N, C-alpha and C. Protein backbone atom coordinates (compact mmCIF):
# COMPACT_ATOMS: atom_id res chain seq x y z
N MET A 1 -13.67 -11.64 -8.22
CA MET A 1 -12.26 -11.43 -7.94
C MET A 1 -11.91 -9.98 -8.27
N GLY A 2 -11.10 -9.39 -7.47
CA GLY A 2 -10.70 -8.01 -7.69
C GLY A 2 -9.40 -7.90 -8.45
N SER A 3 -8.81 -6.74 -8.38
CA SER A 3 -7.56 -6.48 -9.08
C SER A 3 -6.38 -7.12 -8.33
N PHE A 4 -5.23 -7.11 -8.99
CA PHE A 4 -4.02 -7.64 -8.36
C PHE A 4 -3.65 -6.80 -7.14
N GLY A 5 -3.84 -5.50 -7.22
CA GLY A 5 -3.58 -4.63 -6.08
C GLY A 5 -4.46 -4.97 -4.89
N LYS A 6 -5.73 -5.23 -5.15
CA LYS A 6 -6.66 -5.61 -4.06
C LYS A 6 -6.27 -6.97 -3.48
N PHE A 7 -5.80 -7.86 -4.35
CA PHE A 7 -5.32 -9.16 -3.90
C PHE A 7 -4.16 -8.98 -2.92
N ILE A 8 -3.21 -8.12 -3.26
CA ILE A 8 -2.07 -7.86 -2.38
C ILE A 8 -2.54 -7.31 -1.03
N LYS A 9 -3.46 -6.35 -1.09
CA LYS A 9 -3.98 -5.76 0.15
C LYS A 9 -4.64 -6.81 1.03
N THR A 10 -5.46 -7.65 0.43
CA THR A 10 -6.16 -8.69 1.18
C THR A 10 -5.18 -9.66 1.83
N GLU A 11 -4.19 -10.11 1.05
CA GLU A 11 -3.20 -11.05 1.58
C GLU A 11 -2.34 -10.40 2.67
N ARG A 12 -1.98 -9.14 2.47
CA ARG A 12 -1.19 -8.42 3.48
C ARG A 12 -1.97 -8.32 4.79
N GLU A 13 -3.25 -7.97 4.67
CA GLU A 13 -4.08 -7.83 5.87
C GLU A 13 -4.29 -9.16 6.57
N LYS A 14 -4.37 -10.26 5.81
CA LYS A 14 -4.49 -11.59 6.41
C LYS A 14 -3.28 -11.89 7.31
N LYS A 15 -2.11 -11.39 6.89
CA LYS A 15 -0.89 -11.59 7.65
C LYS A 15 -0.78 -10.62 8.83
N GLY A 16 -1.64 -9.60 8.86
CA GLY A 16 -1.60 -8.62 9.93
C GLY A 16 -0.49 -7.60 9.78
N TRP A 17 0.02 -7.44 8.56
CA TRP A 17 1.11 -6.49 8.31
C TRP A 17 0.57 -5.13 7.91
N SER A 18 1.19 -4.10 8.42
CA SER A 18 0.90 -2.75 7.95
C SER A 18 1.55 -2.59 6.58
N GLN A 19 1.20 -1.53 5.89
CA GLN A 19 1.84 -1.26 4.60
C GLN A 19 3.35 -1.06 4.78
N THR A 20 3.72 -0.41 5.87
CA THR A 20 5.14 -0.16 6.15
C THR A 20 5.88 -1.47 6.42
N GLU A 21 5.29 -2.35 7.21
CA GLU A 21 5.91 -3.65 7.49
C GLU A 21 6.05 -4.48 6.21
N PHE A 22 4.99 -4.53 5.44
CA PHE A 22 5.01 -5.27 4.19
C PHE A 22 6.03 -4.67 3.22
N GLY A 23 6.04 -3.36 3.13
CA GLY A 23 6.99 -2.68 2.26
C GLY A 23 8.43 -3.01 2.61
N ALA A 24 8.73 -3.09 3.90
CA ALA A 24 10.10 -3.43 4.33
C ALA A 24 10.45 -4.85 3.91
N LEU A 25 9.48 -5.76 3.99
CA LEU A 25 9.74 -7.15 3.61
C LEU A 25 9.97 -7.31 2.11
N ILE A 26 9.24 -6.53 1.33
CA ILE A 26 9.33 -6.68 -0.12
C ILE A 26 10.19 -5.61 -0.78
N LYS A 27 10.72 -4.72 0.05
CA LYS A 27 11.64 -3.66 -0.40
C LYS A 27 10.98 -2.66 -1.35
N ILE A 28 9.80 -2.20 -0.92
CA ILE A 28 9.05 -1.16 -1.63
C ILE A 28 8.60 -0.15 -0.57
N ASN A 29 8.71 1.15 -0.86
CA ASN A 29 8.32 2.15 0.14
C ASN A 29 6.80 2.19 0.33
N THR A 30 6.40 2.72 1.47
CA THR A 30 4.98 2.73 1.85
C THR A 30 4.09 3.46 0.85
N PRO A 31 4.46 4.64 0.35
CA PRO A 31 3.60 5.29 -0.65
C PRO A 31 3.40 4.43 -1.91
N ALA A 32 4.44 3.69 -2.31
CA ALA A 32 4.31 2.81 -3.48
C ALA A 32 3.37 1.65 -3.18
N ILE A 33 3.45 1.10 -1.96
CA ILE A 33 2.53 0.02 -1.57
C ILE A 33 1.09 0.53 -1.64
N SER A 34 0.85 1.71 -1.12
CA SER A 34 -0.48 2.30 -1.18
C SER A 34 -0.96 2.44 -2.62
N GLY A 35 -0.08 2.92 -3.49
CA GLY A 35 -0.42 3.08 -4.90
C GLY A 35 -0.74 1.76 -5.57
N ILE A 36 0.02 0.73 -5.24
CA ILE A 36 -0.22 -0.60 -5.81
C ILE A 36 -1.57 -1.13 -5.34
N GLU A 37 -1.81 -1.04 -4.05
CA GLU A 37 -3.06 -1.58 -3.49
C GLU A 37 -4.29 -0.82 -3.98
N ASN A 38 -4.12 0.43 -4.37
CA ASN A 38 -5.24 1.23 -4.88
C ASN A 38 -5.23 1.33 -6.41
N ASP A 39 -4.45 0.48 -7.06
CA ASP A 39 -4.40 0.38 -8.52
C ASP A 39 -3.95 1.66 -9.22
N ARG A 40 -3.15 2.45 -8.54
CA ARG A 40 -2.57 3.65 -9.17
C ARG A 40 -1.16 3.38 -9.68
N LYS A 41 -0.53 2.34 -9.15
CA LYS A 41 0.82 1.94 -9.57
C LYS A 41 0.80 0.46 -9.87
N SER A 42 1.73 0.04 -10.72
CA SER A 42 1.79 -1.39 -11.01
C SER A 42 2.88 -2.05 -10.15
N PHE A 43 2.68 -3.31 -9.91
CA PHE A 43 3.61 -4.11 -9.13
C PHE A 43 4.68 -4.63 -10.09
N SER A 44 5.91 -4.71 -9.63
CA SER A 44 7.02 -5.18 -10.47
C SER A 44 6.98 -6.70 -10.64
N VAL A 45 7.03 -7.13 -11.90
CA VAL A 45 7.05 -8.56 -12.19
C VAL A 45 8.27 -9.22 -11.56
N ALA A 46 9.35 -8.48 -11.39
CA ALA A 46 10.57 -9.01 -10.79
C ALA A 46 10.37 -9.40 -9.33
N LYS A 47 9.34 -8.91 -8.68
CA LYS A 47 9.10 -9.19 -7.26
C LYS A 47 8.01 -10.24 -7.04
N LEU A 48 7.51 -10.85 -8.11
CA LEU A 48 6.43 -11.82 -7.96
C LEU A 48 6.83 -13.05 -7.14
N GLU A 49 8.04 -13.53 -7.38
CA GLU A 49 8.48 -14.72 -6.65
C GLU A 49 8.60 -14.42 -5.15
N LEU A 50 9.16 -13.28 -4.81
CA LEU A 50 9.26 -12.88 -3.41
C LEU A 50 7.87 -12.71 -2.80
N LEU A 51 6.97 -12.11 -3.56
CA LEU A 51 5.59 -11.92 -3.09
C LEU A 51 4.95 -13.26 -2.75
N ALA A 52 5.09 -14.23 -3.65
CA ALA A 52 4.52 -15.56 -3.43
C ALA A 52 5.11 -16.19 -2.17
N LYS A 53 6.41 -16.05 -1.98
CA LYS A 53 7.07 -16.61 -0.78
C LYS A 53 6.57 -15.96 0.49
N LEU A 54 6.46 -14.62 0.47
CA LEU A 54 5.99 -13.91 1.67
C LEU A 54 4.56 -14.31 2.05
N PHE A 55 3.71 -14.48 1.03
CA PHE A 55 2.32 -14.85 1.29
C PHE A 55 2.12 -16.36 1.40
N LYS A 56 3.21 -17.13 1.18
CA LYS A 56 3.15 -18.60 1.22
C LYS A 56 2.10 -19.13 0.24
N LEU A 57 2.21 -18.62 -1.00
CA LEU A 57 1.30 -19.03 -2.07
C LEU A 57 2.11 -19.61 -3.22
N ASP A 58 1.46 -20.39 -4.05
CA ASP A 58 2.09 -20.97 -5.23
C ASP A 58 2.51 -19.86 -6.20
N TYR A 59 3.77 -19.87 -6.59
CA TYR A 59 4.30 -18.84 -7.49
C TYR A 59 3.53 -18.77 -8.80
N ASN A 60 3.24 -19.90 -9.41
CA ASN A 60 2.53 -19.88 -10.69
C ASN A 60 1.13 -19.30 -10.57
N THR A 61 0.47 -19.54 -9.46
CA THR A 61 -0.86 -18.96 -9.24
C THR A 61 -0.77 -17.44 -9.15
N VAL A 62 0.20 -16.95 -8.41
CA VAL A 62 0.40 -15.51 -8.26
C VAL A 62 0.77 -14.89 -9.61
N LYS A 63 1.68 -15.53 -10.32
CA LYS A 63 2.12 -15.03 -11.63
C LYS A 63 0.95 -15.01 -12.62
N ASP A 64 0.15 -16.07 -12.64
CA ASP A 64 -1.01 -16.11 -13.54
C ASP A 64 -1.99 -14.99 -13.24
N PHE A 65 -2.25 -14.75 -11.96
CA PHE A 65 -3.18 -13.69 -11.58
C PHE A 65 -2.62 -12.33 -11.99
N TYR A 66 -1.32 -12.12 -11.79
CA TYR A 66 -0.67 -10.86 -12.16
C TYR A 66 -0.87 -10.58 -13.65
N PHE A 67 -0.55 -11.56 -14.50
CA PHE A 67 -0.64 -11.34 -15.93
C PHE A 67 -2.09 -11.29 -16.43
N ALA A 68 -2.98 -12.05 -15.81
CA ALA A 68 -4.40 -11.97 -16.17
C ALA A 68 -4.94 -10.57 -15.87
N ASP A 69 -4.57 -10.02 -14.72
CA ASP A 69 -5.01 -8.67 -14.34
C ASP A 69 -4.44 -7.64 -15.32
N LYS A 70 -3.16 -7.79 -15.63
CA LYS A 70 -2.51 -6.86 -16.56
C LYS A 70 -3.18 -6.90 -17.94
N PHE A 71 -3.43 -8.10 -18.43
CA PHE A 71 -4.08 -8.26 -19.73
C PHE A 71 -5.50 -7.67 -19.72
N ALA A 72 -6.25 -7.98 -18.68
CA ALA A 72 -7.63 -7.50 -18.59
C ALA A 72 -7.69 -5.98 -18.55
N LYS A 73 -6.78 -5.37 -17.80
CA LYS A 73 -6.76 -3.89 -17.72
C LYS A 73 -6.45 -3.27 -19.07
N GLU A 74 -5.49 -3.85 -19.80
CA GLU A 74 -5.15 -3.30 -21.12
C GLU A 74 -6.29 -3.52 -22.11
N ALA A 75 -6.92 -4.68 -22.07
CA ALA A 75 -8.04 -4.95 -22.97
C ALA A 75 -9.18 -3.97 -22.68
N TYR A 76 -9.43 -3.70 -21.41
CA TYR A 76 -10.48 -2.75 -21.03
C TYR A 76 -10.11 -1.33 -21.47
N GLN A 77 -8.84 -0.96 -21.23
CA GLN A 77 -8.37 0.39 -21.58
C GLN A 77 -8.56 0.67 -23.07
N TYR A 78 -8.34 -0.33 -23.89
CA TYR A 78 -8.46 -0.15 -25.34
C TYR A 78 -9.82 -0.58 -25.90
N ASN A 79 -10.76 -0.78 -24.99
CA ASN A 79 -12.15 -1.07 -25.36
C ASN A 79 -12.27 -2.28 -26.28
N CYS A 80 -11.52 -3.33 -25.97
CA CYS A 80 -11.58 -4.56 -26.77
C CYS A 80 -12.89 -5.30 -26.50
N THR A 81 -13.30 -6.09 -27.45
CA THR A 81 -14.50 -6.90 -27.27
C THR A 81 -14.18 -8.12 -26.42
N GLU A 82 -15.20 -8.84 -26.01
CA GLU A 82 -15.01 -10.06 -25.21
C GLU A 82 -14.25 -11.12 -26.01
N LYS A 83 -14.28 -11.02 -27.31
CA LYS A 83 -13.60 -11.98 -28.17
C LYS A 83 -12.09 -11.99 -27.92
N VAL A 84 -11.55 -10.89 -27.44
CA VAL A 84 -10.11 -10.80 -27.21
C VAL A 84 -9.60 -11.88 -26.26
N HIS A 85 -10.41 -12.30 -25.31
CA HIS A 85 -9.98 -13.30 -24.33
C HIS A 85 -9.77 -14.66 -25.00
N ALA A 86 -10.71 -15.05 -25.84
CA ALA A 86 -10.57 -16.31 -26.57
C ALA A 86 -9.40 -16.26 -27.54
N LEU A 87 -9.23 -15.13 -28.20
CA LEU A 87 -8.11 -14.98 -29.12
C LEU A 87 -6.77 -15.06 -28.38
N ALA A 88 -6.70 -14.45 -27.22
CA ALA A 88 -5.48 -14.49 -26.42
C ALA A 88 -5.18 -15.92 -25.97
N GLU A 89 -6.21 -16.65 -25.60
CA GLU A 89 -6.01 -18.04 -25.19
C GLU A 89 -5.48 -18.87 -26.36
N ASN A 90 -6.06 -18.67 -27.54
CA ASN A 90 -5.58 -19.39 -28.73
C ASN A 90 -4.15 -19.01 -29.06
N GLN A 91 -3.82 -17.74 -28.95
CA GLN A 91 -2.46 -17.28 -29.22
C GLN A 91 -1.47 -17.89 -28.23
N SER A 92 -1.87 -17.97 -26.99
CA SER A 92 -1.03 -18.55 -25.96
C SER A 92 -0.76 -20.04 -26.26
N LYS A 93 -1.79 -20.77 -26.67
CA LYS A 93 -1.63 -22.19 -27.04
C LYS A 93 -0.70 -22.32 -28.24
N TYR A 94 -0.87 -21.44 -29.21
CA TYR A 94 -0.02 -21.46 -30.40
C TYR A 94 1.45 -21.26 -30.01
N LEU A 95 1.71 -20.27 -29.16
CA LEU A 95 3.09 -20.00 -28.75
C LEU A 95 3.70 -21.16 -27.98
N ARG A 96 2.91 -21.80 -27.12
CA ARG A 96 3.42 -22.96 -26.38
C ARG A 96 3.76 -24.11 -27.33
N ASN A 97 2.86 -24.38 -28.25
CA ASN A 97 3.08 -25.48 -29.20
C ASN A 97 4.23 -25.18 -30.15
N LYS A 98 4.38 -23.95 -30.53
CA LYS A 98 5.44 -23.55 -31.44
C LYS A 98 6.82 -23.80 -30.83
N ASN A 99 6.91 -23.65 -29.54
CA ASN A 99 8.19 -23.78 -28.85
C ASN A 99 8.49 -25.18 -28.32
N VAL A 100 7.61 -26.13 -28.61
CA VAL A 100 7.84 -27.50 -28.17
C VAL A 100 8.81 -28.15 -29.17
N LYS A 101 9.86 -28.76 -28.64
CA LYS A 101 10.82 -29.44 -29.51
C LYS A 101 10.27 -30.82 -29.86
N GLN A 102 10.38 -31.15 -31.12
CA GLN A 102 9.93 -32.46 -31.57
C GLN A 102 11.02 -33.49 -31.31
N GLY A 103 10.59 -34.64 -30.84
CA GLY A 103 11.54 -35.73 -30.61
C GLY A 103 11.85 -36.48 -31.89
N LYS A 104 12.87 -37.31 -31.81
CA LYS A 104 13.25 -38.11 -32.98
C LYS A 104 12.32 -39.30 -33.10
N ILE A 105 11.97 -39.61 -34.34
CA ILE A 105 11.11 -40.75 -34.62
C ILE A 105 11.99 -41.96 -34.95
N LYS A 106 11.78 -43.05 -34.24
CA LYS A 106 12.55 -44.28 -34.50
C LYS A 106 11.71 -45.20 -35.37
N PHE A 107 12.35 -45.74 -36.41
CA PHE A 107 11.68 -46.69 -37.32
C PHE A 107 12.19 -48.07 -37.11
């Protein structure tokens, strides 16, 4: 699997859209689309839902890929060990469990 930018390029090309056409649909100029697809610019998290709709893909799948790519790039940039992935997964589970509301116990 490639980067999130490569994912966007692949999906755009599947639709037969030029960068200009795609940019008009998602409200991003053509040079920015080029930068995103070539991993020189980041894609806005605020546009993920629109991106999923345009590509007719599940929003959560697109969002997960976006954040996985972002995390992997930062971990690589800071030369983290492979252990960071397991630690991040554990931290994510901790945060989910921490925010679960406990129900009332009936006796």
